[in-house]
Amino acid sequence: METAEIRAKSREEVLEELEGCKRELLNLRIQWQAGELKNSAQYAKTRRDIARVKTVLREMELGINKKLYSGETAQQ
C-alpha cells in the first residue's frame, strides 16, 4: 500500500485499515506456526504496511503535512 493512498483516507478509514493489517498479520503468524505460509515475504510486507499506517496516523495527530491532507500542492 502506498503512503499517498493512506493519506487520501479519513482518520476513521485509516484506523480501519490499521485493524485490517493487524488481523492479516495475526493470520500470517498462525499460518507460519502451522507450517502453511507459502509466501514468507508477505509477513514483512504487512509489518511495513502497519508502520506506514501508524506513521500517517501520527502525522495526523501532530498536524504534520496538512497540505497533503487538504489536497493542496506543495509550493517550492
PDB file of N, CA and C in Angstrom:
ATOM      1  N   MET A   1       0.829  -1.159   0.000  1.00  0.00           N
ATOM      2  CA  MET A   1       0.000   0.000   0.000  1.00  0.00           C
ATOM      3  C   MET A   1       0.889   1.243   0.000  1.00  0.00           C
ATOM      4  N   GLU A   2       0.560   2.184  -0.834  1.00  0.00           N
ATOM      5  CA  GLU A   2       1.323   3.416  -0.953  1.00  0.00           C
ATOM      6  C   GLU A   2       0.909   4.396   0.138  1.00  0.00           C
ATOM      7  N   THR A   3       1.852   5.211   0.566  1.00  0.00           N
ATOM      8  CA  THR A   3       1.591   6.208   1.601  1.00  0.00           C
ATOM      9  C   THR A   3       0.571   7.228   1.117  1.00  0.00           C
ATOM     10  N   ALA A   4       0.627   7.598  -0.142  1.00  0.00           N
ATOM     11  CA  ALA A   4      -0.324   8.571  -0.689  1.00  0.00           C
ATOM     12  C   ALA A   4      -1.752   8.047  -0.603  1.00  0.00           C
ATOM     13  N   GLU A   5      -1.941   6.753  -0.793  1.00  0.00           N
ATOM     14  CA  GLU A   5      -3.273   6.153  -0.683  1.00  0.00           C
ATOM     15  C   GLU A   5      -3.791   6.267   0.740  1.00  0.00           C
ATOM     16  N   ILE A   6      -2.911   6.070   1.701  1.00  0.00           N
ATOM     17  CA  ILE A   6      -3.311   6.145   3.100  1.00  0.00           C
ATOM     18  C   ILE A   6      -3.670   7.583   3.454  1.00  0.00           C
ATOM     19  N   ARG A   7      -2.864   8.535   3.001  1.00  0.00           N
ATOM     20  CA  ARG A   7      -3.100   9.947   3.313  1.00  0.00           C
ATOM     21  C   ARG A   7      -4.393  10.460   2.708  1.00  0.00           C
ATOM     22  N   ALA A   8      -4.864   9.836   1.648  1.00  0.00           N
ATOM     23  CA  ALA A   8      -6.091  10.273   0.984  1.00  0.00           C
ATOM     24  C   ALA A   8      -7.338   9.864   1.767  1.00  0.00           C
ATOM     25  N   LYS A   9      -7.185   9.003   2.753  1.00  0.00           N
ATOM     26  CA  LYS A   9      -8.322   8.499   3.522  1.00  0.00           C
ATOM     27  C   LYS A   9      -8.574   9.357   4.752  1.00  0.00           C
ATOM     28  N   SER A  10      -9.791   9.230   5.277  1.00  0.00           N
ATOM     29  CA  SER A  10     -10.122   9.929   6.518  1.00  0.00           C
ATOM     30  C   SER A  10      -9.499   9.170   7.694  1.00  0.00           C
ATOM     31  N   ARG A  11      -9.518   9.795   8.861  1.00  0.00           N
ATOM     32  CA  ARG A  11      -8.915   9.187  10.050  1.00  0.00           C
ATOM     33  C   ARG A  11      -9.595   7.856  10.383  1.00  0.00           C
ATOM     34  N   GLU A  12     -10.914   7.807  10.281  1.00  0.00           N
ATOM     35  CA  GLU A  12     -11.649   6.576  10.578  1.00  0.00           C
ATOM     36  C   GLU A  12     -11.269   5.462   9.613  1.00  0.00           C
ATOM     37  N   GLU A  13     -11.129   5.809   8.351  1.00  0.00           N
ATOM     38  CA  GLU A  13     -10.739   4.815   7.346  1.00  0.00           C
ATOM     39  C   GLU A  13      -9.322   4.309   7.602  1.00  0.00           C
ATOM     40  N   VAL A  14      -8.442   5.206   8.046  1.00  0.00           N
ATOM     41  CA  VAL A  14      -7.065   4.807   8.343  1.00  0.00           C
ATOM     42  C   VAL A  14      -7.050   3.850   9.540  1.00  0.00           C
ATOM     43  N   LEU A  15      -7.867   4.148  10.543  1.00  0.00           N
ATOM     44  CA  LEU A  15      -7.950   3.255  11.708  1.00  0.00           C
ATOM     45  C   LEU A  15      -8.481   1.878  11.312  1.00  0.00           C
ATOM     46  N   GLU A  16      -9.464   1.845  10.411  1.00  0.00           N
ATOM     47  CA  GLU A  16      -9.985   0.566   9.915  1.00  0.00           C
ATOM     48  C   GLU A  16      -8.900  -0.190   9.150  1.00  0.00           C
ATOM     49  N   GLU A  17      -8.115   0.535   8.369  1.00  0.00           N
ATOM     50  CA  GLU A  17      -7.012  -0.078   7.620  1.00  0.00           C
ATOM     51  C   GLU A  17      -5.986  -0.685   8.572  1.00  0.00           C
ATOM     52  N   LEU A  18      -5.697   0.021   9.658  1.00  0.00           N
ATOM     53  CA  LEU A  18      -4.759  -0.474  10.661  1.00  0.00           C
ATOM     54  C   LEU A  18      -5.268  -1.769  11.285  1.00  0.00           C
ATOM     55  N   GLU A  19      -6.535  -1.801  11.640  1.00  0.00           N
ATOM     56  CA  GLU A  19      -7.109  -3.023  12.222  1.00  0.00           C
ATOM     57  C   GLU A  19      -7.059  -4.181  11.227  1.00  0.00           C
ATOM     58  N   GLY A  20      -7.338  -3.883   9.960  1.00  0.00           N
ATOM     59  CA  GLY A  20      -7.273  -4.917   8.929  1.00  0.00           C
ATOM     60  C   GLY A  20      -5.868  -5.479   8.765  1.00  0.00           C
ATOM     61  N   CYS A  21      -4.880  -4.608   8.806  1.00  0.00           N
ATOM     62  CA  CYS A  21      -3.486  -5.049   8.690  1.00  0.00           C
ATOM     63  C   CYS A  21      -3.079  -5.892   9.894  1.00  0.00           C
ATOM     64  N   LYS A  22      -3.536  -5.496  11.070  1.00  0.00           N
ATOM     65  CA  LYS A  22      -3.210  -6.266  12.273  1.00  0.00           C
ATOM     66  C   LYS A  22      -3.843  -7.656  12.222  1.00  0.00           C
ATOM     67  N   ARG A  23      -5.084  -7.730  11.720  1.00  0.00           N
ATOM     68  CA  ARG A  23      -5.738  -9.042  11.575  1.00  0.00           C
ATOM     69  C   ARG A  23      -4.980  -9.919  10.579  1.00  0.00           C
ATOM     70  N   GLU A  24      -4.550  -9.292   9.473  1.00  0.00           N
ATOM     71  CA  GLU A  24      -3.794 -10.034   8.461  1.00  0.00           C
ATOM     72  C   GLU A  24      -2.478 -10.555   9.033  1.00  0.00           C
ATOM     73  N   LEU A  25      -1.801  -9.729   9.828  1.00  0.00           N
ATOM     74  CA  LEU A  25      -0.547 -10.144  10.447  1.00  0.00           C
ATOM     75  C   LEU A  25      -0.778 -11.321  11.391  1.00  0.00           C
ATOM     76  N   LEU A  26      -1.860 -11.278  12.155  1.00  0.00           N
ATOM     77  CA  LEU A  26      -2.188 -12.389  13.048  1.00  0.00           C
ATOM     78  C   LEU A  26      -2.431 -13.671  12.252  1.00  0.00           C
ATOM     79  N   ASN A  27      -3.167 -13.553  11.161  1.00  0.00           N
ATOM     80  CA  ASN A  27      -3.420 -14.725  10.315  1.00  0.00           C
ATOM     81  C   ASN A  27      -2.115 -15.289   9.745  1.00  0.00           C
ATOM     82  N   LEU A  28      -1.212 -14.399   9.348  1.00  0.00           N
ATOM     83  CA  LEU A  28       0.071 -14.858   8.808  1.00  0.00           C
ATOM     84  C   LEU A  28       0.895 -15.562   9.890  1.00  0.00           C
ATOM     85  N   ARG A  29       0.841 -15.056  11.128  1.00  0.00           N
ATOM     86  CA  ARG A  29       1.555 -15.712  12.227  1.00  0.00           C
ATOM     87  C   ARG A  29       0.999 -17.108  12.476  1.00  0.00           C
ATOM     88  N   ILE A  30      -0.314 -17.224  12.425  1.00  0.00           N
ATOM     89  CA  ILE A  30      -0.945 -18.529  12.638  1.00  0.00           C
ATOM     90  C   ILE A  30      -0.545 -19.487  11.524  1.00  0.00           C
ATOM     91  N   GLN A  31      -0.557 -19.000  10.287  1.00  0.00           N
ATOM     92  CA  GLN A  31      -0.148 -19.837   9.156  1.00  0.00           C
ATOM     93  C   GLN A  31       1.307 -20.257   9.297  1.00  0.00           C
ATOM     94  N   TRP A  32       2.158 -19.351   9.774  1.00  0.00           N
ATOM     95  CA  TRP A  32       3.576 -19.664   9.963  1.00  0.00           C
ATOM     96  C   TRP A  32       3.731 -20.791  10.975  1.00  0.00           C
ATOM     97  N   GLN A  33       3.022 -20.692  12.091  1.00  0.00           N
ATOM     98  CA  GLN A  33       3.125 -21.705  13.136  1.00  0.00           C
ATOM     99  C   GLN A  33       2.601 -23.057  12.664  1.00  0.00           C
ATOM    100  N   ALA A  34       1.595 -23.031  11.810  1.00  0.00           N
ATOM    101  CA  ALA A  34       1.025 -24.271  11.299  1.00  0.00           C
ATOM    102  C   ALA A  34       1.825 -24.826  10.124  1.00  0.00           C
ATOM    103  N   GLY A  35       2.796 -24.071   9.640  1.00  0.00           N
ATOM    104  CA  GLY A  35       3.600 -24.526   8.515  1.00  0.00           C
ATOM    105  C   GLY A  35       2.902 -24.379   7.182  1.00  0.00           C
ATOM    106  N   GLU A  36       1.887 -23.521   7.114  1.00  0.00           N
ATOM    107  CA  GLU A  36       1.104 -23.364   5.891  1.00  0.00           C
ATOM    108  C   GLU A  36       1.437 -22.088   5.115  1.00  0.00           C
ATOM    109  N   LEU A  37       2.335 -21.262   5.640  1.00  0.00           N
ATOM    110  CA  LEU A  37       2.655 -19.993   4.991  1.00  0.00           C
ATOM    111  C   LEU A  37       3.475 -20.258   3.734  1.00  0.00           C
ATOM    112  N   LYS A  38       2.949 -19.828   2.589  1.00  0.00           N
ATOM    113  CA  LYS A  38       3.612 -20.093   1.312  1.00  0.00           C
ATOM    114  C   LYS A  38       4.526 -18.943   0.897  1.00  0.00           C
ATOM    115  N   ASN A  39       4.151 -17.713   1.275  1.00  0.00           N
ATOM    116  CA  ASN A  39       4.937 -16.547   0.878  1.00  0.00           C
ATOM    117  C   ASN A  39       5.388 -15.823   2.143  1.00  0.00           C
ATOM    118  N   SER A  40       6.585 -16.119   2.592  1.00  0.00           N
ATOM    119  CA  SER A  40       7.070 -15.526   3.835  1.00  0.00           C
ATOM    120  C   SER A  40       7.339 -14.027   3.697  1.00  0.00           C
ATOM    121  N   ALA A  41       7.498 -13.537   2.494  1.00  0.00           N
ATOM    122  CA  ALA A  41       7.709 -12.105   2.283  1.00  0.00           C
ATOM    123  C   ALA A  41       6.453 -11.300   2.604  1.00  0.00           C
ATOM    124  N   GLN A  42       5.312 -11.943   2.563  1.00  0.00           N
ATOM    125  CA  GLN A  42       4.054 -11.270   2.878  1.00  0.00           C
ATOM    126  C   GLN A  42       4.036 -10.785   4.323  1.00  0.00           C
ATOM    127  N   TYR A  43       4.686 -11.525   5.215  1.00  0.00           N
ATOM    128  CA  TYR A  43       4.763 -11.153   6.630  1.00  0.00           C
ATOM    129  C   TYR A  43       5.483  -9.810   6.774  1.00  0.00           C
ATOM    130  N   ALA A  44       6.617  -9.667   6.123  1.00  0.00           N
ATOM    131  CA  ALA A  44       7.383  -8.421   6.193  1.00  0.00           C
ATOM    132  C   ALA A  44       6.622  -7.274   5.540  1.00  0.00           C
ATOM    133  N   LYS A  45       5.949  -7.546   4.439  1.00  0.00           N
ATOM    134  CA  LYS A  45       5.180  -6.512   3.748  1.00  0.00           C
ATOM    135  C   LYS A  45       4.062  -5.995   4.646  1.00  0.00           C
ATOM    136  N   THR A  46       3.404  -6.883   5.343  1.00  0.00           N
ATOM    137  CA  THR A  46       2.314  -6.487   6.228  1.00  0.00           C
ATOM    138  C   THR A  46       2.835  -5.654   7.391  1.00  0.00           C
ATOM    139  N   ARG A  47       3.990  -6.020   7.922  1.00  0.00           N
ATOM    140  CA  ARG A  47       4.584  -5.226   9.006  1.00  0.00           C
ATOM    141  C   ARG A  47       4.930  -3.817   8.527  1.00  0.00           C
ATOM    142  N   ARG A  48       5.436  -3.705   7.309  1.00  0.00           N
ATOM    143  CA  ARG A  48       5.746  -2.384   6.752  1.00  0.00           C
ATOM    144  C   ARG A  48       4.476  -1.565   6.531  1.00  0.00           C
ATOM    145  N   ASP A  49       3.402  -2.230   6.088  1.00  0.00           N
ATOM    146  CA  ASP A  49       2.124  -1.534   5.905  1.00  0.00           C
ATOM    147  C   ASP A  49       1.609  -0.987   7.233  1.00  0.00           C
ATOM    148  N   ILE A  50       1.735  -1.769   8.295  1.00  0.00           N
ATOM    149  CA  ILE A  50       1.312  -1.310   9.620  1.00  0.00           C
ATOM    150  C   ILE A  50       2.129  -0.090  10.025  1.00  0.00           C
ATOM    151  N   ALA A  51       3.420  -0.123   9.786  1.00  0.00           N
ATOM    152  CA  ALA A  51       4.276   1.014  10.131  1.00  0.00           C
ATOM    153  C   ALA A  51       3.880   2.252   9.343  1.00  0.00           C
ATOM    154  N   ARG A  52       3.554   2.094   8.061  1.00  0.00           N
ATOM    155  CA  ARG A  52       3.134   3.232   7.247  1.00  0.00           C
ATOM    156  C   ARG A  52       1.843   3.842   7.783  1.00  0.00           C
ATOM    157  N   VAL A  53       0.892   2.983   8.113  1.00  0.00           N
ATOM    158  CA  VAL A  53      -0.397   3.461   8.613  1.00  0.00           C
ATOM    159  C   VAL A  53      -0.204   4.194   9.941  1.00  0.00           C
ATOM    160  N   LYS A  54       0.611   3.636  10.823  1.00  0.00           N
ATOM    161  CA  LYS A  54       0.858   4.283  12.105  1.00  0.00           C
ATOM    162  C   LYS A  54       1.568   5.624  11.919  1.00  0.00           C
ATOM    163  N   THR A  55       2.455   5.708  10.948  1.00  0.00           N
ATOM    164  CA  THR A  55       3.159   6.961  10.674  1.00  0.00           C
ATOM    165  C   THR A  55       2.181   8.032  10.215  1.00  0.00           C
ATOM    166  N   VAL A  56       1.287   7.675   9.315  1.00  0.00           N
ATOM    167  CA  VAL A  56       0.307   8.631   8.820  1.00  0.00           C
ATOM    168  C   VAL A  56      -0.628   9.064   9.950  1.00  0.00           C
ATOM    169  N   LEU A  57      -1.031   8.131  10.806  1.00  0.00           N
ATOM    170  CA  LEU A  57      -1.871   8.492  11.944  1.00  0.00           C
ATOM    171  C   LEU A  57      -1.164   9.490  12.856  1.00  0.00           C
ATOM    172  N   ARG A  58       0.098   9.266  13.099  1.00  0.00           N
ATOM    173  CA  ARG A  58       0.858  10.175  13.950  1.00  0.00           C
ATOM    174  C   ARG A  58       0.996  11.545  13.287  1.00  0.00           C
ATOM    175  N   GLU A  59       1.191  11.574  11.978  1.00  0.00           N
ATOM    176  CA  GLU A  59       1.244  12.840  11.258  1.00  0.00           C
ATOM    177  C   GLU A  59      -0.069  13.600  11.415  1.00  0.00           C
ATOM    178  N   MET A  60      -1.178  12.873  11.345  1.00  0.00           N
ATOM    179  CA  MET A  60      -2.487  13.499  11.513  1.00  0.00           C
ATOM    180  C   MET A  60      -2.627  14.078  12.915  1.00  0.00           C
ATOM    181  N   GLU A  61      -2.164  13.350  13.919  1.00  0.00           N
ATOM    182  CA  GLU A  61      -2.251  13.818  15.303  1.00  0.00           C
ATOM    183  C   GLU A  61      -1.440  15.091  15.512  1.00  0.00           C
ATOM    184  N   LEU A  62      -0.254  15.130  14.930  1.00  0.00           N
ATOM    185  CA  LEU A  62       0.642  16.261  15.123  1.00  0.00           C
ATOM    186  C   LEU A  62       0.363  17.425  14.175  1.00  0.00           C
ATOM    187  N   GLY A  63      -0.452  17.178  13.161  1.00  0.00           N
ATOM    188  CA  GLY A  63      -0.746  18.225  12.196  1.00  0.00           C
ATOM    189  C   GLY A  63       0.348  18.420  11.176  1.00  0.00           C
ATOM    190  N   ILE A  64       1.179  17.421  11.000  1.00  0.00           N
ATOM    191  CA  ILE A  64       2.263  17.479  10.030  1.00  0.00           C
ATOM    192  C   ILE A  64       1.701  17.196   8.641  1.00  0.00           C
ATOM    193  N   ASN A  65       2.256  17.859   7.637  1.00  0.00           N
ATOM    194  CA  ASN A  65       1.867  17.652   6.235  1.00  0.00           C
ATOM    195  C   ASN A  65       0.388  17.957   6.005  1.00  0.00           C
ATOM    196  N   LYS A  66      -0.099  19.058   6.560  1.00  0.00           N
ATOM    197  CA  LYS A  66      -1.503  19.422   6.376  1.00  0.00           C
ATOM    198  C   LYS A  66      -1.833  19.631   4.903  1.00  0.00           C
ATOM    199  N   LYS A  67      -0.855  20.083   4.127  1.00  0.00           N
ATOM    200  CA  LYS A  67      -1.094  20.294   2.696  1.00  0.00           C
ATOM    201  C   LYS A  67      -1.441  18.978   2.009  1.00  0.00           C
ATOM    202  N   LEU A  68      -0.843  17.896   2.471  1.00  0.00           N
ATOM    203  CA  LEU A  68      -1.106  16.588   1.866  1.00  0.00           C
ATOM    204  C   LEU A  68      -2.536  16.140   2.143  1.00  0.00           C
ATOM    205  N   TYR A  69      -3.073  16.492   3.307  1.00  0.00           N
ATOM    206  CA  TYR A  69      -4.404  16.035   3.698  1.00  0.00           C
ATOM    207  C   TYR A  69      -5.497  16.945   3.150  1.00  0.00           C
ATOM    208  N   SER A  70      -5.158  18.199   2.872  1.00  0.00           N
ATOM    209  CA  SER A  70      -6.177  19.130   2.377  1.00  0.00           C
ATOM    210  C   SER A  70      -6.275  19.120   0.856  1.00  0.00           C
ATOM    211  N   GLY A  71      -5.402  18.380   0.205  1.00  0.00           N
ATOM    212  CA  GLY A  71      -5.449  18.283  -1.252  1.00  0.00           C
ATOM    213  C   GLY A  71      -4.664  19.368  -1.964  1.00  0.00           C
ATOM    214  N   GLU A  72      -3.976  20.236  -1.218  1.00  0.00           N
ATOM    215  CA  GLU A  72      -3.173  21.286  -1.823  1.00  0.00           C
ATOM    216  C   GLU A  72      -1.859  20.712  -2.313  1.00  0.00           C
ATOM    217  N   THR A  73      -1.246  21.415  -3.245  1.00  0.00           N
ATOM    218  CA  THR A  73       0.072  21.006  -3.713  1.00  0.00           C
ATOM    219  C   THR A  73       1.121  21.829  -2.986  1.00  0.00           C
ATOM    220  N   ALA A  74       2.256  21.243  -2.776  1.00  0.00           N
ATOM    221  CA  ALA A  74       3.337  21.928  -2.059  1.00  0.00           C
ATOM    222  C   ALA A  74       4.002  22.928  -2.969  1.00  0.00           C
ATOM    223  N   GLN A  75       4.245  24.120  -2.458  1.00  0.00           N
ATOM    224  CA  GLN A  75       4.948  25.165  -3.202  1.00  0.00           C
ATOM    225  C   GLN A  75       6.418  25.121  -2.818  1.00  0.00           C
ATOM    226  N   GLN A  76       7.289  25.111  -3.808  1.00  0.00           N
ATOM    227  CA  GLN A  76       8.720  25.085  -3.507  1.00  0.00           C
ATOM    228  C   GLN A  76       9.413  26.238  -4.134  1.00  0.00           C
TER     229      GLN A  76
END
